[in-house]
Amino acid sequence: MEIPREPAQLLPTHVADRPNPASTDRPPTPPPHRGVGGPCAASPQAASLEDVSPVTVLLAVSDQLQQAVLLRAMRRHADFMIVGTEHDGARALDAIVQAAPDVAVVDTGLPTLDGLDLCVRLAAVRPEVGTRVLLLDGDPPVTRARAVCSGAAGCLPATSTAAQLCDAITSIANGGTIFHI
């Protein structure tokens, strides 16, 4: 067996042919979020190989009991970092602009500014914020078309389980969309 003499011989050809990211002028691309069901959940070795940052979440729900239940469920996941909570739509919009979370979970029935209008205003006021919105729909149900047109990345029934909510947050943080209406 021949011992490789060049570092490039240690790597497969497709890896050795890649340009060195340290030699480019571009900043390194941050790693994607990994959440429930992602590689870091399946393999402790995968988590140690990458710098995995938590998904930042702002929760804006008008019902305080529902908010407490959702917060407790989200705090159980090491993949989530709660950056704020609000009970009012206008204050939630301000908090999203200030904190710029990865995902905002927003009740469609918030007082002063409902979830649909919050999505529209967020896109109009500060499109560069980049927060993806997951709507929680109460009564009456929001149609899928209205949720999509508002700019939401997803919509779940307000009666969804904590596990469904956490899975949806992870999916949306990774660029997916969830519309269970």
N, C-alpha and C. Protein backbone atom coordinates (compact mmCIF):
# COMPACT_ATOMS: atom_id res chain seq x y z
N MET A 1 0.85 -1.18 0.00
CA MET A 1 0.00 0.00 0.00
C MET A 1 0.89 1.24 0.00
N GLU A 2 0.63 2.15 -0.91
CA GLU A 2 1.43 3.36 -1.04
C GLU A 2 0.89 4.43 -0.11
N ILE A 3 1.77 5.12 0.59
CA ILE A 3 1.39 6.21 1.50
C ILE A 3 1.29 7.48 0.68
N PRO A 4 0.15 8.20 0.74
CA PRO A 4 0.01 9.44 -0.02
C PRO A 4 1.02 10.47 0.46
N ARG A 5 1.60 11.17 -0.48
CA ARG A 5 2.60 12.17 -0.16
C ARG A 5 2.05 13.59 -0.20
N GLU A 6 0.99 13.82 -0.93
CA GLU A 6 0.38 15.15 -1.05
C GLU A 6 -0.93 15.16 -0.26
N PRO A 7 -1.26 16.28 0.40
CA PRO A 7 -2.53 16.35 1.14
C PRO A 7 -3.74 16.09 0.26
N ALA A 8 -3.71 16.52 -1.00
CA ALA A 8 -4.86 16.33 -1.88
C ALA A 8 -5.12 14.86 -2.14
N GLN A 9 -4.10 14.02 -2.02
CA GLN A 9 -4.28 12.59 -2.25
C GLN A 9 -5.08 11.94 -1.12
N LEU A 10 -5.18 12.62 0.00
CA LEU A 10 -5.93 12.07 1.13
C LEU A 10 -7.43 12.23 0.94
N LEU A 11 -7.84 13.17 0.07
CA LEU A 11 -9.24 13.48 -0.12
C LEU A 11 -9.76 12.86 -1.40
N PRO A 12 -11.03 12.52 -1.46
CA PRO A 12 -11.60 12.08 -2.73
C PRO A 12 -11.45 13.19 -3.76
N THR A 13 -11.41 12.83 -5.03
CA THR A 13 -11.16 13.78 -6.10
C THR A 13 -12.15 14.95 -6.06
N HIS A 14 -13.45 14.68 -5.86
CA HIS A 14 -14.43 15.76 -5.88
C HIS A 14 -14.20 16.76 -4.77
N VAL A 15 -13.60 16.35 -3.66
CA VAL A 15 -13.31 17.27 -2.56
C VAL A 15 -12.01 18.01 -2.83
N ALA A 16 -11.00 17.30 -3.35
CA ALA A 16 -9.70 17.91 -3.60
C ALA A 16 -9.77 18.97 -4.69
N ASP A 17 -10.74 18.86 -5.62
CA ASP A 17 -10.87 19.81 -6.71
C ASP A 17 -11.58 21.09 -6.33
N ARG A 18 -12.21 21.12 -5.16
CA ARG A 18 -12.94 22.32 -4.74
C ARG A 18 -11.96 23.43 -4.39
N PRO A 19 -12.35 24.70 -4.67
CA PRO A 19 -11.49 25.80 -4.25
C PRO A 19 -11.47 25.91 -2.74
N ASN A 20 -10.39 26.38 -2.21
CA ASN A 20 -10.24 26.59 -0.77
C ASN A 20 -11.12 27.76 -0.36
N PRO A 21 -12.13 27.56 0.52
CA PRO A 21 -13.01 28.67 0.90
C PRO A 21 -12.27 29.80 1.59
N ALA A 22 -11.13 29.52 2.20
CA ALA A 22 -10.38 30.57 2.87
C ALA A 22 -9.72 31.51 1.87
N SER A 23 -9.58 31.06 0.62
CA SER A 23 -8.90 31.89 -0.36
C SER A 23 -9.85 32.80 -1.12
N THR A 24 -11.16 32.70 -0.90
CA THR A 24 -12.11 33.56 -1.60
C THR A 24 -12.39 34.80 -0.78
N ASP A 25 -12.94 35.80 -1.44
CA ASP A 25 -13.29 37.05 -0.76
C ASP A 25 -14.66 37.00 -0.12
N ARG A 26 -15.42 35.95 -0.41
CA ARG A 26 -16.77 35.84 0.14
C ARG A 26 -16.71 35.36 1.59
N PRO A 27 -17.63 35.87 2.43
CA PRO A 27 -17.69 35.34 3.80
C PRO A 27 -18.21 33.91 3.75
N PRO A 28 -17.82 33.08 4.70
CA PRO A 28 -18.30 31.70 4.70
C PRO A 28 -19.80 31.64 4.89
N THR A 29 -20.44 30.69 4.23
CA THR A 29 -21.87 30.50 4.35
C THR A 29 -22.16 29.84 5.68
N PRO A 30 -23.10 30.41 6.46
CA PRO A 30 -23.40 29.77 7.74
C PRO A 30 -24.04 28.41 7.51
N PRO A 31 -23.84 27.47 8.42
CA PRO A 31 -24.43 26.16 8.25
C PRO A 31 -25.94 26.25 8.36
N PRO A 32 -26.67 25.34 7.67
CA PRO A 32 -28.12 25.36 7.80
C PRO A 32 -28.52 24.97 9.21
N HIS A 33 -29.72 25.40 9.58
CA HIS A 33 -30.24 25.00 10.89
C HIS A 33 -30.52 23.53 10.84
N ARG A 34 -30.28 22.88 11.92
CA ARG A 34 -30.60 21.47 12.05
C ARG A 34 -31.55 21.35 13.22
N GLY A 35 -32.65 20.68 13.03
CA GLY A 35 -33.59 20.61 14.13
C GLY A 35 -34.11 19.22 14.33
N VAL A 36 -35.34 19.14 14.76
CA VAL A 36 -35.97 17.88 15.06
C VAL A 36 -35.90 17.01 13.81
N GLY A 37 -35.32 15.83 13.95
CA GLY A 37 -35.22 14.92 12.83
C GLY A 37 -34.03 15.20 11.93
N GLY A 38 -33.28 16.24 12.17
CA GLY A 38 -32.12 16.58 11.35
C GLY A 38 -30.92 15.76 11.76
N PRO A 39 -29.82 15.92 11.04
CA PRO A 39 -28.63 15.13 11.31
C PRO A 39 -28.13 15.22 12.75
N CYS A 40 -28.22 16.38 13.38
CA CYS A 40 -27.69 16.48 14.74
C CYS A 40 -28.57 15.70 15.73
N ALA A 41 -29.84 15.53 15.41
CA ALA A 41 -30.70 14.75 16.29
C ALA A 41 -30.44 13.25 16.11
N ALA A 42 -30.05 12.87 14.89
CA ALA A 42 -29.85 11.45 14.61
C ALA A 42 -28.46 10.97 15.00
N SER A 43 -27.48 11.85 14.97
CA SER A 43 -26.11 11.41 15.18
C SER A 43 -25.32 12.42 16.00
N PRO A 44 -24.85 12.05 17.18
CA PRO A 44 -24.06 12.98 17.97
C PRO A 44 -22.76 13.37 17.26
N GLN A 45 -22.24 12.46 16.43
CA GLN A 45 -21.03 12.79 15.69
C GLN A 45 -21.28 13.89 14.67
N ALA A 46 -22.45 13.88 14.01
CA ALA A 46 -22.77 14.91 13.03
C ALA A 46 -22.84 16.27 13.70
N ALA A 47 -23.38 16.34 14.91
CA ALA A 47 -23.48 17.61 15.61
C ALA A 47 -22.10 18.15 15.96
N SER A 48 -21.17 17.28 16.28
CA SER A 48 -19.84 17.74 16.64
C SER A 48 -19.02 18.16 15.43
N LEU A 49 -19.42 17.72 14.23
CA LEU A 49 -18.67 18.06 13.02
C LEU A 49 -19.03 19.44 12.49
N GLU A 50 -20.18 19.94 12.83
CA GLU A 50 -20.62 21.23 12.31
C GLU A 50 -20.93 22.18 13.46
N ASP A 51 -20.81 23.46 13.17
CA ASP A 51 -21.21 24.47 14.14
C ASP A 51 -22.71 24.68 13.95
N VAL A 52 -23.52 24.10 14.82
CA VAL A 52 -24.96 24.14 14.68
C VAL A 52 -25.51 25.23 15.59
N SER A 53 -26.19 26.20 15.00
CA SER A 53 -26.76 27.27 15.80
C SER A 53 -28.24 26.99 16.03
N PRO A 54 -28.77 27.40 17.17
CA PRO A 54 -30.20 27.15 17.44
C PRO A 54 -31.08 28.01 16.55
N VAL A 55 -32.28 27.56 16.34
CA VAL A 55 -33.29 28.32 15.60
C VAL A 55 -33.86 29.35 16.56
N THR A 56 -33.76 30.63 16.23
CA THR A 56 -34.33 31.66 17.09
C THR A 56 -35.81 31.82 16.76
N VAL A 57 -36.64 31.88 17.81
CA VAL A 57 -38.09 31.90 17.65
C VAL A 57 -38.70 33.00 18.50
N LEU A 58 -39.62 33.75 17.90
CA LEU A 58 -40.44 34.70 18.65
C LEU A 58 -41.86 34.17 18.62
N LEU A 59 -42.53 34.14 19.76
CA LEU A 59 -43.88 33.60 19.87
C LEU A 59 -44.86 34.73 20.17
N ALA A 60 -45.84 34.91 19.29
CA ALA A 60 -46.86 35.94 19.46
C ALA A 60 -48.23 35.28 19.43
N VAL A 61 -48.75 34.99 20.61
CA VAL A 61 -50.04 34.32 20.76
C VAL A 61 -50.87 35.10 21.77
N SER A 62 -52.14 35.36 21.44
CA SER A 62 -52.97 36.18 22.32
C SER A 62 -53.42 35.44 23.58
N ASP A 63 -53.62 34.13 23.50
CA ASP A 63 -54.07 33.35 24.64
C ASP A 63 -52.87 33.00 25.52
N GLN A 64 -52.85 33.51 26.75
CA GLN A 64 -51.70 33.32 27.62
C GLN A 64 -51.49 31.87 28.03
N LEU A 65 -52.54 31.11 28.20
CA LEU A 65 -52.41 29.71 28.55
C LEU A 65 -51.79 28.93 27.38
N GLN A 66 -52.30 29.19 26.17
CA GLN A 66 -51.74 28.53 24.99
C GLN A 66 -50.27 28.91 24.82
N GLN A 67 -49.95 30.18 25.05
CA GLN A 67 -48.57 30.62 24.93
C GLN A 67 -47.67 29.90 25.93
N ALA A 68 -48.13 29.73 27.16
CA ALA A 68 -47.34 29.04 28.18
C ALA A 68 -47.09 27.58 27.79
N VAL A 69 -48.10 26.91 27.24
CA VAL A 69 -47.95 25.52 26.81
C VAL A 69 -46.96 25.42 25.66
N LEU A 70 -47.08 26.32 24.70
CA LEU A 70 -46.16 26.30 23.56
C LEU A 70 -44.73 26.62 23.97
N LEU A 71 -44.58 27.58 24.86
CA LEU A 71 -43.23 27.92 25.34
C LEU A 71 -42.58 26.74 26.04
N ARG A 72 -43.34 26.06 26.88
CA ARG A 72 -42.80 24.90 27.59
C ARG A 72 -42.33 23.83 26.60
N ALA A 73 -43.13 23.60 25.56
CA ALA A 73 -42.77 22.59 24.56
C ALA A 73 -41.52 23.01 23.78
N MET A 74 -41.44 24.27 23.40
CA MET A 74 -40.29 24.73 22.62
C MET A 74 -39.02 24.77 23.45
N ARG A 75 -39.13 25.05 24.73
CA ARG A 75 -37.94 25.09 25.59
C ARG A 75 -37.34 23.71 25.82
N ARG A 76 -38.10 22.67 25.56
CA ARG A 76 -37.58 21.30 25.69
C ARG A 76 -36.63 20.95 24.55
N HIS A 77 -36.66 21.70 23.49
CA HIS A 77 -35.80 21.44 22.34
C HIS A 77 -34.55 22.30 22.40
N ALA A 78 -33.41 21.64 22.44
CA ALA A 78 -32.14 22.38 22.46
C ALA A 78 -31.93 23.13 21.15
N ASP A 79 -32.68 22.77 20.11
CA ASP A 79 -32.52 23.40 18.80
C ASP A 79 -33.23 24.77 18.71
N PHE A 80 -34.01 25.13 19.72
CA PHE A 80 -34.74 26.40 19.69
C PHE A 80 -34.24 27.34 20.76
N MET A 81 -34.17 28.63 20.42
CA MET A 81 -33.87 29.67 21.40
C MET A 81 -34.99 30.71 21.29
N ILE A 82 -35.77 30.84 22.35
CA ILE A 82 -36.88 31.80 22.38
C ILE A 82 -36.29 33.19 22.59
N VAL A 83 -36.56 34.10 21.64
CA VAL A 83 -36.02 35.46 21.74
C VAL A 83 -37.06 36.48 22.14
N GLY A 84 -38.32 36.05 22.30
CA GLY A 84 -39.34 36.98 22.74
C GLY A 84 -40.73 36.39 22.67
N THR A 85 -41.63 37.01 23.42
CA THR A 85 -43.04 36.64 23.39
C THR A 85 -43.86 37.93 23.39
N GLU A 86 -44.99 37.88 22.73
CA GLU A 86 -45.91 39.02 22.68
C GLU A 86 -47.34 38.51 22.67
N HIS A 87 -48.26 39.37 23.11
CA HIS A 87 -49.70 39.06 23.12
C HIS A 87 -50.46 40.00 22.20
N ASP A 88 -49.78 40.92 21.53
CA ASP A 88 -50.39 41.98 20.74
C ASP A 88 -49.68 42.05 19.38
N GLY A 89 -50.45 42.20 18.31
CA GLY A 89 -49.89 42.20 16.97
C GLY A 89 -48.93 43.34 16.67
N ALA A 90 -49.28 44.56 17.07
CA ALA A 90 -48.41 45.70 16.79
C ALA A 90 -47.08 45.56 17.54
N ARG A 91 -47.15 45.13 18.80
CA ARG A 91 -45.91 44.92 19.56
C ARG A 91 -45.11 43.74 19.02
N ALA A 92 -45.81 42.73 18.52
CA ALA A 92 -45.13 41.59 17.92
C ALA A 92 -44.35 42.02 16.67
N LEU A 93 -44.94 42.87 15.86
CA LEU A 93 -44.25 43.38 14.67
C LEU A 93 -42.98 44.12 15.06
N ASP A 94 -43.08 44.99 16.06
CA ASP A 94 -41.90 45.72 16.54
C ASP A 94 -40.84 44.75 17.07
N ALA A 95 -41.27 43.74 17.82
CA ALA A 95 -40.33 42.77 18.39
C ALA A 95 -39.64 41.96 17.30
N ILE A 96 -40.37 41.61 16.24
CA ILE A 96 -39.77 40.85 15.13
C ILE A 96 -38.72 41.70 14.43
N VAL A 97 -39.03 42.96 14.19
CA VAL A 97 -38.07 43.86 13.53
C VAL A 97 -36.83 44.03 14.40
N GLN A 98 -37.01 44.16 15.72
CA GLN A 98 -35.89 44.34 16.64
C GLN A 98 -35.03 43.08 16.77
N ALA A 99 -35.68 41.93 17.00
CA ALA A 99 -34.94 40.70 17.30
C ALA A 99 -34.52 39.93 16.05
N ALA A 100 -35.24 40.12 14.94
CA ALA A 100 -34.99 39.40 13.69
C ALA A 100 -34.82 37.89 13.91
N PRO A 101 -35.84 37.24 14.52
CA PRO A 101 -35.73 35.79 14.74
C PRO A 101 -35.78 35.03 13.42
N ASP A 102 -35.34 33.78 13.45
CA ASP A 102 -35.44 32.94 12.26
C ASP A 102 -36.90 32.66 11.92
N VAL A 103 -37.69 32.38 12.96
CA VAL A 103 -39.11 32.04 12.79
C VAL A 103 -39.92 32.81 13.81
N ALA A 104 -41.05 33.37 13.37
CA ALA A 104 -42.02 33.98 14.28
C ALA A 104 -43.29 33.14 14.20
N VAL A 105 -43.74 32.65 15.35
CA VAL A 105 -44.99 31.90 15.43
C VAL A 105 -46.04 32.91 15.85
N VAL A 106 -47.01 33.16 14.94
CA VAL A 106 -47.94 34.27 15.12
C VAL A 106 -49.38 33.79 15.04
N ASP A 107 -50.15 34.14 16.05
CA ASP A 107 -51.57 33.85 16.12
C ASP A 107 -52.31 34.74 15.11
N THR A 108 -53.24 34.15 14.35
CA THR A 108 -54.00 34.97 13.40
C THR A 108 -55.00 35.88 14.11
N GLY A 109 -55.30 35.61 15.38
CA GLY A 109 -56.29 36.39 16.11
C GLY A 109 -55.69 37.39 17.09
N LEU A 110 -54.49 37.88 16.83
CA LEU A 110 -53.88 38.85 17.74
C LEU A 110 -54.66 40.16 17.74
N PRO A 111 -54.76 40.83 18.90
CA PRO A 111 -55.41 42.14 18.93
C PRO A 111 -54.50 43.20 18.29
N THR A 112 -55.06 44.27 17.85
CA THR A 112 -54.45 45.45 17.21
C THR A 112 -53.90 45.19 15.81
N LEU A 113 -53.39 44.01 15.56
CA LEU A 113 -52.84 43.67 14.23
C LEU A 113 -52.85 42.16 14.13
N ASP A 114 -53.76 41.61 13.27
CA ASP A 114 -53.84 40.15 13.21
C ASP A 114 -52.63 39.56 12.48
N GLY A 115 -52.48 38.26 12.56
CA GLY A 115 -51.32 37.59 12.00
C GLY A 115 -51.14 37.79 10.51
N LEU A 116 -52.24 37.80 9.75
CA LEU A 116 -52.14 38.01 8.31
C LEU A 116 -51.62 39.41 7.99
N ASP A 117 -52.20 40.42 8.66
CA ASP A 117 -51.74 41.79 8.44
C ASP A 117 -50.30 41.98 8.92
N LEU A 118 -49.93 41.31 9.99
CA LEU A 118 -48.55 41.39 10.48
C LEU A 118 -47.58 40.89 9.41
N CYS A 119 -47.91 39.78 8.75
CA CYS A 119 -47.05 39.25 7.67
C CYS A 119 -46.89 40.26 6.54
N VAL A 120 -48.00 40.83 6.12
CA VAL A 120 -47.97 41.81 5.03
C VAL A 120 -47.14 43.03 5.42
N ARG A 121 -47.36 43.55 6.62
CA ARG A 121 -46.60 44.74 7.06
C ARG A 121 -45.13 44.44 7.26
N LEU A 122 -44.81 43.27 7.76
CA LEU A 122 -43.41 42.90 7.95
C LEU A 122 -42.68 42.91 6.61
N ALA A 123 -43.31 42.35 5.59
CA ALA A 123 -42.69 42.32 4.26
C ALA A 123 -42.56 43.73 3.68
N ALA A 124 -43.53 44.58 3.96
CA ALA A 124 -43.51 45.94 3.41
C ALA A 124 -42.54 46.86 4.16
N VAL A 125 -42.52 46.74 5.49
CA VAL A 125 -41.71 47.63 6.31
C VAL A 125 -40.24 47.24 6.31
N ARG A 126 -39.96 45.98 6.53
CA ARG A 126 -38.58 45.53 6.66
C ARG A 126 -38.37 44.18 5.96
N PRO A 127 -38.37 44.14 4.64
CA PRO A 127 -38.20 42.85 3.97
C PRO A 127 -36.85 42.19 4.24
N GLU A 128 -35.85 42.99 4.59
CA GLU A 128 -34.52 42.44 4.84
C GLU A 128 -34.40 41.70 6.17
N VAL A 129 -35.41 41.79 7.02
CA VAL A 129 -35.36 41.11 8.31
C VAL A 129 -35.20 39.60 8.08
N GLY A 130 -35.89 39.04 7.13
CA GLY A 130 -35.73 37.63 6.79
C GLY A 130 -36.42 36.65 7.71
N THR A 131 -37.24 37.12 8.62
CA THR A 131 -37.97 36.23 9.52
C THR A 131 -39.07 35.52 8.74
N ARG A 132 -39.16 34.21 8.91
CA ARG A 132 -40.22 33.43 8.28
C ARG A 132 -41.34 33.27 9.31
N VAL A 133 -42.57 33.48 8.87
CA VAL A 133 -43.71 33.48 9.79
C VAL A 133 -44.52 32.19 9.66
N LEU A 134 -44.80 31.58 10.82
CA LEU A 134 -45.70 30.44 10.93
C LEU A 134 -46.96 30.93 11.62
N LEU A 135 -48.08 30.91 10.90
CA LEU A 135 -49.34 31.36 11.47
C LEU A 135 -50.03 30.23 12.23
N LEU A 136 -50.61 30.57 13.37
CA LEU A 136 -51.47 29.64 14.11
C LEU A 136 -52.89 30.14 13.92
N ASP A 137 -53.71 29.33 13.28
CA ASP A 137 -55.06 29.74 12.93
C ASP A 137 -56.07 29.25 13.94
N GLY A 138 -56.89 30.17 14.40
CA GLY A 138 -57.96 29.82 15.34
C GLY A 138 -59.27 29.71 14.59
N ASP A 139 -60.23 30.50 14.97
CA ASP A 139 -61.55 30.43 14.37
C ASP A 139 -61.94 31.82 13.90
N PRO A 140 -62.37 32.07 12.71
CA PRO A 140 -62.58 31.12 11.63
C PRO A 140 -61.27 30.74 10.94
N PRO A 141 -61.25 29.59 10.29
CA PRO A 141 -60.01 29.14 9.66
C PRO A 141 -59.55 30.08 8.53
N VAL A 142 -58.26 30.24 8.44
CA VAL A 142 -57.67 31.02 7.37
C VAL A 142 -57.52 30.11 6.17
N THR A 143 -57.83 30.60 5.00
CA THR A 143 -57.64 29.77 3.83
C THR A 143 -56.16 29.74 3.47
N ARG A 144 -55.77 28.68 2.81
CA ARG A 144 -54.36 28.54 2.41
C ARG A 144 -53.94 29.70 1.52
N ALA A 145 -54.79 30.10 0.60
CA ALA A 145 -54.45 31.19 -0.32
C ALA A 145 -54.19 32.49 0.43
N ARG A 146 -55.01 32.80 1.43
CA ARG A 146 -54.80 34.04 2.20
C ARG A 146 -53.50 33.98 2.98
N ALA A 147 -53.18 32.82 3.54
CA ALA A 147 -51.93 32.68 4.29
C ALA A 147 -50.72 32.85 3.36
N VAL A 148 -50.77 32.22 2.19
CA VAL A 148 -49.66 32.34 1.23
C VAL A 148 -49.54 33.77 0.74
N CYS A 149 -50.66 34.39 0.39
CA CYS A 149 -50.64 35.77 -0.11
C CYS A 149 -50.12 36.76 0.94
N SER A 150 -50.30 36.45 2.20
CA SER A 150 -49.83 37.35 3.26
C SER A 150 -48.31 37.28 3.41
N GLY A 151 -47.70 36.24 2.84
CA GLY A 151 -46.26 36.08 2.96
C GLY A 151 -45.84 35.08 4.01
N ALA A 152 -46.80 34.38 4.61
CA ALA A 152 -46.47 33.39 5.63
C ALA A 152 -45.76 32.20 5.00
N ALA A 153 -44.87 31.59 5.77
CA ALA A 153 -44.17 30.39 5.33
C ALA A 153 -44.95 29.14 5.72
N GLY A 154 -45.96 29.31 6.56
CA GLY A 154 -46.75 28.17 6.98
C GLY A 154 -47.95 28.57 7.80
N CYS A 155 -48.87 27.64 7.96
CA CYS A 155 -50.05 27.86 8.78
C CYS A 155 -50.49 26.53 9.36
N LEU A 156 -50.66 26.51 10.67
CA LEU A 156 -51.13 25.33 11.38
C LEU A 156 -52.40 25.68 12.13
N PRO A 157 -53.27 24.70 12.35
CA PRO A 157 -54.41 24.96 13.22
C PRO A 157 -53.92 25.28 14.64
N ALA A 158 -54.61 26.13 15.33
CA ALA A 158 -54.23 26.47 16.71
C ALA A 158 -54.32 25.26 17.62
N THR A 159 -55.03 24.23 17.20
CA THR A 159 -55.18 23.02 17.99
C THR A 159 -54.06 22.00 17.73
N SER A 160 -53.05 22.37 16.96
CA SER A 160 -51.94 21.46 16.66
C SER A 160 -51.22 21.07 17.94
N THR A 161 -50.64 19.89 17.94
CA THR A 161 -49.88 19.43 19.10
C THR A 161 -48.55 20.17 19.17
N ALA A 162 -47.94 20.12 20.32
CA ALA A 162 -46.62 20.76 20.50
C ALA A 162 -45.60 20.12 19.56
N ALA A 163 -45.68 18.81 19.37
CA ALA A 163 -44.75 18.13 18.46
C ALA A 163 -44.93 18.61 17.02
N GLN A 164 -46.18 18.78 16.60
CA GLN A 164 -46.44 19.29 15.25
C GLN A 164 -45.89 20.71 15.09
N LEU A 165 -46.07 21.53 16.11
CA LEU A 165 -45.56 22.90 16.06
C LEU A 165 -44.04 22.90 15.96
N CYS A 166 -43.38 22.12 16.79
CA CYS A 166 -41.91 22.08 16.77
C CYS A 166 -41.38 21.56 15.44
N ASP A 167 -42.03 20.54 14.88
CA ASP A 167 -41.63 20.04 13.56
C ASP A 167 -41.81 21.12 12.49
N ALA A 168 -42.91 21.86 12.57
CA ALA A 168 -43.17 22.93 11.59
C ALA A 168 -42.12 24.04 11.71
N ILE A 169 -41.78 24.43 12.93
CA ILE A 169 -40.77 25.47 13.12
C ILE A 169 -39.44 25.04 12.51
N THR A 170 -39.05 23.80 12.75
CA THR A 170 -37.79 23.28 12.20
C THR A 170 -37.83 23.29 10.68
N SER A 171 -38.93 22.82 10.11
CA SER A 171 -39.06 22.77 8.65
C SER A 171 -38.99 24.17 8.05
N ILE A 172 -39.69 25.10 8.65
CA ILE A 172 -39.70 26.48 8.14
C ILE A 172 -38.33 27.12 8.28
N ALA A 173 -37.65 26.87 9.38
CA ALA A 173 -36.30 27.42 9.58
C ALA A 173 -35.33 26.89 8.53
N ASN A 174 -35.59 25.68 8.03
CA ASN A 174 -34.74 25.07 7.01
C ASN A 174 -35.21 25.40 5.60
N GLY A 175 -36.15 26.35 5.46
CA GLY A 175 -36.58 26.79 4.14
C GLY A 175 -37.84 26.15 3.61
N GLY A 176 -38.46 25.26 4.40
CA GLY A 176 -39.68 24.60 3.94
C GLY A 176 -40.92 25.44 4.19
N THR A 177 -42.04 24.91 3.74
CA THR A 177 -43.33 25.54 4.01
C THR A 177 -44.26 24.47 4.57
N ILE A 178 -45.17 24.88 5.42
CA ILE A 178 -46.13 23.98 6.07
C ILE A 178 -47.49 24.65 6.04
N PHE A 179 -48.44 24.04 5.37
CA PHE A 179 -49.80 24.58 5.35
C PHE A 179 -50.79 23.47 5.65
N HIS A 180 -51.10 23.28 6.92
CA HIS A 180 -52.09 22.30 7.36
C HIS A 180 -53.31 23.07 7.83
N ILE A 181 -54.20 23.31 6.93
CA ILE A 181 -55.40 24.08 7.27
C ILE A 181 -56.61 23.23 7.05
